[in-house]
Amino acid sequence: MSRPPQTPSSTSLRPIGLPRPIEVRADGDGRPVALTRTGTRGRRAAETPVESVEEVWRIAEAWWREAPQARTYYRVVLADGRPLSIFYDDALGTWSEQPY
């Protein structure tokens, strides 16, 4: 006898790749020079220098809506060699890490 397909409950589903807020120190041109992440328990990590900015791109979506999204993305390499994608949200004035 076969079982009917199981439907996962809403508590078992977890979205992936959601942006996480970070603190960024930027230079006079708005480019990131250091960042501070917050851990899962709310603890702030030490500030991490940005070694280089590898790529910059801008996204402007849904410009026809009341609240369009406009973000500037940066692909950075941290001082310890780790690559990271971060963005500045123009509408909210906040920085976030974008995991992939």
N, C-alpha and C. Protein backbone atom coordinates (compact mmCIF):
# COMPACT_ATOMS: atom_id res chain seq x y z
N MET A 1 0.84 -1.16 0.00
CA MET A 1 0.00 0.00 0.00
C MET A 1 0.89 1.24 0.00
N SER A 2 0.63 2.16 -0.89
CA SER A 2 1.46 3.36 -0.95
C SER A 2 0.85 4.47 -0.09
N ARG A 3 1.73 5.28 0.42
CA ARG A 3 1.29 6.40 1.26
C ARG A 3 1.02 7.62 0.39
N PRO A 4 0.10 8.46 0.83
CA PRO A 4 -0.11 9.72 0.09
C PRO A 4 1.12 10.62 0.28
N PRO A 5 1.40 11.47 -0.68
CA PRO A 5 2.56 12.36 -0.56
C PRO A 5 2.44 13.24 0.69
N GLN A 6 3.56 13.41 1.35
CA GLN A 6 3.60 14.25 2.55
C GLN A 6 3.73 15.71 2.14
N THR A 7 2.97 16.56 2.78
CA THR A 7 3.07 18.00 2.56
C THR A 7 3.80 18.59 3.75
N PRO A 8 4.94 19.24 3.51
CA PRO A 8 5.68 19.80 4.64
C PRO A 8 4.88 20.91 5.30
N SER A 9 5.00 20.99 6.60
CA SER A 9 4.31 22.06 7.32
C SER A 9 5.09 23.36 7.14
N SER A 10 4.44 24.45 7.42
CA SER A 10 5.10 25.75 7.25
C SER A 10 6.28 25.91 8.19
N THR A 11 6.29 25.17 9.30
CA THR A 11 7.42 25.28 10.22
C THR A 11 8.63 24.50 9.75
N SER A 12 8.45 23.56 8.83
CA SER A 12 9.59 22.79 8.35
C SER A 12 10.25 23.44 7.13
N LEU A 13 9.60 24.41 6.53
CA LEU A 13 10.17 25.10 5.38
C LEU A 13 10.93 26.33 5.85
N ARG A 14 12.08 26.53 5.26
CA ARG A 14 12.88 27.69 5.62
C ARG A 14 13.45 28.30 4.35
N PRO A 15 13.16 29.56 4.11
CA PRO A 15 13.72 30.17 2.90
C PRO A 15 15.24 30.25 2.98
N ILE A 16 15.88 30.12 1.85
CA ILE A 16 17.34 30.22 1.81
C ILE A 16 17.73 31.44 1.00
N GLY A 17 18.92 31.93 1.24
CA GLY A 17 19.43 33.05 0.47
C GLY A 17 18.82 34.39 0.81
N LEU A 18 18.16 34.50 1.98
CA LEU A 18 17.59 35.79 2.35
C LEU A 18 18.69 36.75 2.79
N PRO A 19 18.57 38.03 2.43
CA PRO A 19 19.58 39.00 2.87
C PRO A 19 19.64 39.09 4.39
N ARG A 20 20.85 39.32 4.91
CA ARG A 20 21.06 39.50 6.35
C ARG A 20 21.65 40.88 6.58
N PRO A 21 21.11 41.63 7.53
CA PRO A 21 21.63 42.98 7.79
C PRO A 21 23.09 42.93 8.27
N ILE A 22 23.87 43.89 7.82
CA ILE A 22 25.25 44.06 8.27
C ILE A 22 25.52 45.54 8.44
N GLU A 23 26.58 45.85 9.16
CA GLU A 23 27.04 47.24 9.28
C GLU A 23 28.23 47.40 8.35
N VAL A 24 28.25 48.48 7.60
CA VAL A 24 29.34 48.72 6.65
C VAL A 24 29.92 50.11 6.89
N ARG A 25 31.23 50.17 6.89
CA ARG A 25 31.92 51.46 6.90
C ARG A 25 32.36 51.70 5.46
N ALA A 26 31.94 52.82 4.90
CA ALA A 26 32.21 53.13 3.50
C ALA A 26 33.14 54.33 3.39
N ASP A 27 33.81 54.43 2.24
CA ASP A 27 34.68 55.58 1.99
C ASP A 27 33.83 56.76 1.50
N GLY A 28 34.48 57.84 1.12
CA GLY A 28 33.78 59.04 0.68
C GLY A 28 32.94 58.85 -0.57
N ASP A 29 33.26 57.82 -1.37
CA ASP A 29 32.49 57.52 -2.58
C ASP A 29 31.39 56.50 -2.33
N GLY A 30 31.23 56.06 -1.08
CA GLY A 30 30.19 55.09 -0.74
C GLY A 30 30.59 53.65 -0.94
N ARG A 31 31.86 53.39 -1.28
CA ARG A 31 32.32 52.01 -1.47
C ARG A 31 32.71 51.41 -0.12
N PRO A 32 32.37 50.14 0.10
CA PRO A 32 32.66 49.51 1.40
C PRO A 32 34.16 49.33 1.64
N VAL A 33 34.60 49.67 2.86
CA VAL A 33 36.00 49.47 3.24
C VAL A 33 36.13 48.50 4.41
N ALA A 34 35.04 48.30 5.16
CA ALA A 34 35.03 47.35 6.28
C ALA A 34 33.58 47.01 6.60
N LEU A 35 33.36 45.83 7.18
CA LEU A 35 32.00 45.45 7.56
C LEU A 35 32.00 44.69 8.87
N THR A 36 30.85 44.73 9.53
CA THR A 36 30.64 44.03 10.79
C THR A 36 29.38 43.20 10.65
N ARG A 37 29.50 41.91 10.91
CA ARG A 37 28.34 41.01 10.83
C ARG A 37 27.82 40.74 12.23
N THR A 38 26.56 40.35 12.31
CA THR A 38 25.95 39.95 13.58
C THR A 38 25.66 38.47 13.50
N GLY A 39 26.08 37.74 14.52
CA GLY A 39 25.88 36.29 14.53
C GLY A 39 24.44 35.90 14.80
N THR A 40 24.19 34.60 14.79
CA THR A 40 22.83 34.10 14.98
C THR A 40 22.29 34.40 16.37
N ARG A 41 23.16 34.60 17.34
CA ARG A 41 22.70 34.91 18.70
C ARG A 41 22.75 36.41 18.99
N GLY A 42 22.89 37.21 17.94
CA GLY A 42 22.88 38.65 18.10
C GLY A 42 24.20 39.27 18.51
N ARG A 43 25.25 38.47 18.57
CA ARG A 43 26.56 39.00 18.93
C ARG A 43 27.22 39.63 17.72
N ARG A 44 27.79 40.80 17.93
CA ARG A 44 28.51 41.47 16.85
C ARG A 44 29.91 40.92 16.76
N ALA A 45 30.33 40.62 15.56
CA ALA A 45 31.70 40.16 15.32
C ALA A 45 32.60 41.39 15.19
N ALA A 46 33.89 41.15 15.21
CA ALA A 46 34.84 42.25 15.02
C ALA A 46 34.72 42.78 13.59
N GLU A 47 35.07 44.03 13.42
CA GLU A 47 35.04 44.64 12.09
C GLU A 47 36.05 43.92 11.19
N THR A 48 35.63 43.60 9.97
CA THR A 48 36.48 42.91 9.00
C THR A 48 36.79 43.85 7.85
N PRO A 49 38.07 44.11 7.58
CA PRO A 49 38.40 44.98 6.45
C PRO A 49 38.04 44.35 5.11
N VAL A 50 37.68 45.18 4.15
CA VAL A 50 37.45 44.75 2.77
C VAL A 50 38.77 44.92 2.04
N GLU A 51 39.30 43.82 1.53
CA GLU A 51 40.57 43.85 0.81
C GLU A 51 40.41 44.49 -0.57
N SER A 52 39.33 44.11 -1.27
CA SER A 52 39.10 44.67 -2.60
C SER A 52 37.62 44.58 -2.97
N VAL A 53 37.22 45.46 -3.87
CA VAL A 53 35.88 45.41 -4.47
C VAL A 53 36.08 44.88 -5.88
N GLU A 54 35.56 43.67 -6.13
CA GLU A 54 35.79 43.00 -7.41
C GLU A 54 34.79 43.41 -8.49
N GLU A 55 33.56 43.72 -8.06
CA GLU A 55 32.51 44.03 -9.04
C GLU A 55 31.45 44.90 -8.38
N VAL A 56 30.85 45.79 -9.16
CA VAL A 56 29.76 46.64 -8.68
C VAL A 56 28.67 46.61 -9.74
N TRP A 57 27.41 46.41 -9.32
CA TRP A 57 26.30 46.48 -10.26
C TRP A 57 25.08 47.04 -9.56
N ARG A 58 24.21 47.62 -10.33
CA ARG A 58 23.02 48.28 -9.79
C ARG A 58 21.77 47.58 -10.31
N ILE A 59 20.80 47.42 -9.42
CA ILE A 59 19.52 46.82 -9.77
C ILE A 59 18.43 47.82 -9.42
N ALA A 60 17.57 48.11 -10.37
CA ALA A 60 16.39 48.95 -10.13
C ALA A 60 15.20 48.17 -10.66
N GLU A 61 14.39 47.64 -9.73
CA GLU A 61 13.26 46.79 -10.10
C GLU A 61 11.94 47.45 -9.75
N ALA A 62 10.95 47.08 -10.51
CA ALA A 62 9.57 47.51 -10.25
C ALA A 62 9.47 49.03 -10.10
N TRP A 63 10.12 49.76 -10.99
CA TRP A 63 10.14 51.21 -10.92
C TRP A 63 8.75 51.81 -11.04
N TRP A 64 7.80 51.06 -11.58
CA TRP A 64 6.45 51.55 -11.77
C TRP A 64 5.59 51.42 -10.51
N ARG A 65 6.07 50.71 -9.51
CA ARG A 65 5.30 50.52 -8.27
C ARG A 65 5.51 51.68 -7.30
N GLU A 66 4.66 51.70 -6.29
CA GLU A 66 4.75 52.75 -5.28
C GLU A 66 6.07 52.69 -4.51
N ALA A 67 6.57 51.48 -4.26
CA ALA A 67 7.83 51.30 -3.53
C ALA A 67 8.80 50.48 -4.37
N PRO A 68 9.43 51.08 -5.38
CA PRO A 68 10.38 50.33 -6.20
C PRO A 68 11.63 49.98 -5.42
N GLN A 69 12.33 48.95 -5.87
CA GLN A 69 13.59 48.56 -5.25
C GLN A 69 14.75 49.10 -6.06
N ALA A 70 15.70 49.69 -5.37
CA ALA A 70 16.93 50.15 -6.02
C ALA A 70 18.08 49.78 -5.09
N ARG A 71 18.97 48.94 -5.59
CA ARG A 71 20.08 48.46 -4.79
C ARG A 71 21.38 48.55 -5.58
N THR A 72 22.46 48.80 -4.86
CA THR A 72 23.79 48.74 -5.45
C THR A 72 24.50 47.56 -4.81
N TYR A 73 24.87 46.58 -5.63
CA TYR A 73 25.54 45.37 -5.16
C TYR A 73 27.05 45.50 -5.32
N TYR A 74 27.76 44.90 -4.37
CA TYR A 74 29.22 44.87 -4.40
C TYR A 74 29.67 43.43 -4.16
N ARG A 75 30.52 42.94 -5.03
CA ARG A 75 31.19 41.65 -4.80
C ARG A 75 32.55 42.01 -4.23
N VAL A 76 32.75 41.71 -2.94
CA VAL A 76 33.98 42.10 -2.26
C VAL A 76 34.78 40.88 -1.85
N VAL A 77 36.06 41.10 -1.60
CA VAL A 77 36.92 40.09 -1.01
C VAL A 77 37.38 40.65 0.32
N LEU A 78 37.13 39.88 1.39
CA LEU A 78 37.50 40.32 2.73
C LEU A 78 38.99 40.11 2.96
N ALA A 79 39.52 40.72 4.01
CA ALA A 79 40.95 40.64 4.31
C ALA A 79 41.42 39.21 4.50
N ASP A 80 40.53 38.31 4.94
CA ASP A 80 40.93 36.90 5.13
C ASP A 80 40.77 36.07 3.85
N GLY A 81 40.42 36.74 2.73
CA GLY A 81 40.33 36.05 1.44
C GLY A 81 38.95 35.56 1.05
N ARG A 82 37.97 35.67 1.95
CA ARG A 82 36.62 35.19 1.64
C ARG A 82 35.90 36.16 0.72
N PRO A 83 35.25 35.65 -0.35
CA PRO A 83 34.42 36.51 -1.19
C PRO A 83 33.03 36.67 -0.56
N LEU A 84 32.40 37.79 -0.81
CA LEU A 84 31.09 38.07 -0.22
C LEU A 84 30.34 39.04 -1.11
N SER A 85 29.04 38.83 -1.27
CA SER A 85 28.19 39.79 -1.98
C SER A 85 27.39 40.57 -0.96
N ILE A 86 27.44 41.89 -1.07
CA ILE A 86 26.69 42.76 -0.18
C ILE A 86 25.96 43.79 -1.03
N PHE A 87 24.94 44.44 -0.45
CA PHE A 87 24.27 45.49 -1.21
C PHE A 87 23.82 46.61 -0.29
N TYR A 88 23.69 47.79 -0.90
CA TYR A 88 23.14 48.96 -0.23
C TYR A 88 21.76 49.19 -0.81
N ASP A 89 20.75 49.24 0.06
CA ASP A 89 19.36 49.47 -0.36
C ASP A 89 19.09 50.97 -0.30
N ASP A 90 18.91 51.58 -1.47
CA ASP A 90 18.71 53.03 -1.55
C ASP A 90 17.46 53.49 -0.81
N ALA A 91 16.38 52.73 -0.91
CA ALA A 91 15.11 53.14 -0.30
C ALA A 91 15.18 53.10 1.22
N LEU A 92 15.82 52.07 1.76
CA LEU A 92 15.88 51.90 3.22
C LEU A 92 17.12 52.53 3.84
N GLY A 93 18.15 52.77 3.03
CA GLY A 93 19.40 53.31 3.56
C GLY A 93 20.15 52.30 4.41
N THR A 94 20.03 51.01 4.07
CA THR A 94 20.66 49.96 4.86
C THR A 94 21.56 49.08 4.00
N TRP A 95 22.50 48.40 4.66
CA TRP A 95 23.39 47.44 4.03
C TRP A 95 22.97 46.03 4.42
N SER A 96 23.15 45.08 3.49
CA SER A 96 22.84 43.67 3.76
C SER A 96 23.85 42.78 3.06
N GLU A 97 24.02 41.60 3.64
CA GLU A 97 24.81 40.53 3.01
C GLU A 97 23.84 39.70 2.20
N GLN A 98 24.24 39.30 0.99
CA GLN A 98 23.37 38.49 0.13
C GLN A 98 24.00 37.12 -0.07
N PRO A 99 23.60 36.12 0.74
CA PRO A 99 24.15 34.78 0.54
C PRO A 99 23.56 34.13 -0.72
N TYR A 100 24.35 33.30 -1.36
CA TYR A 100 23.88 32.56 -2.54
C TYR A 100 24.02 31.09 -2.30
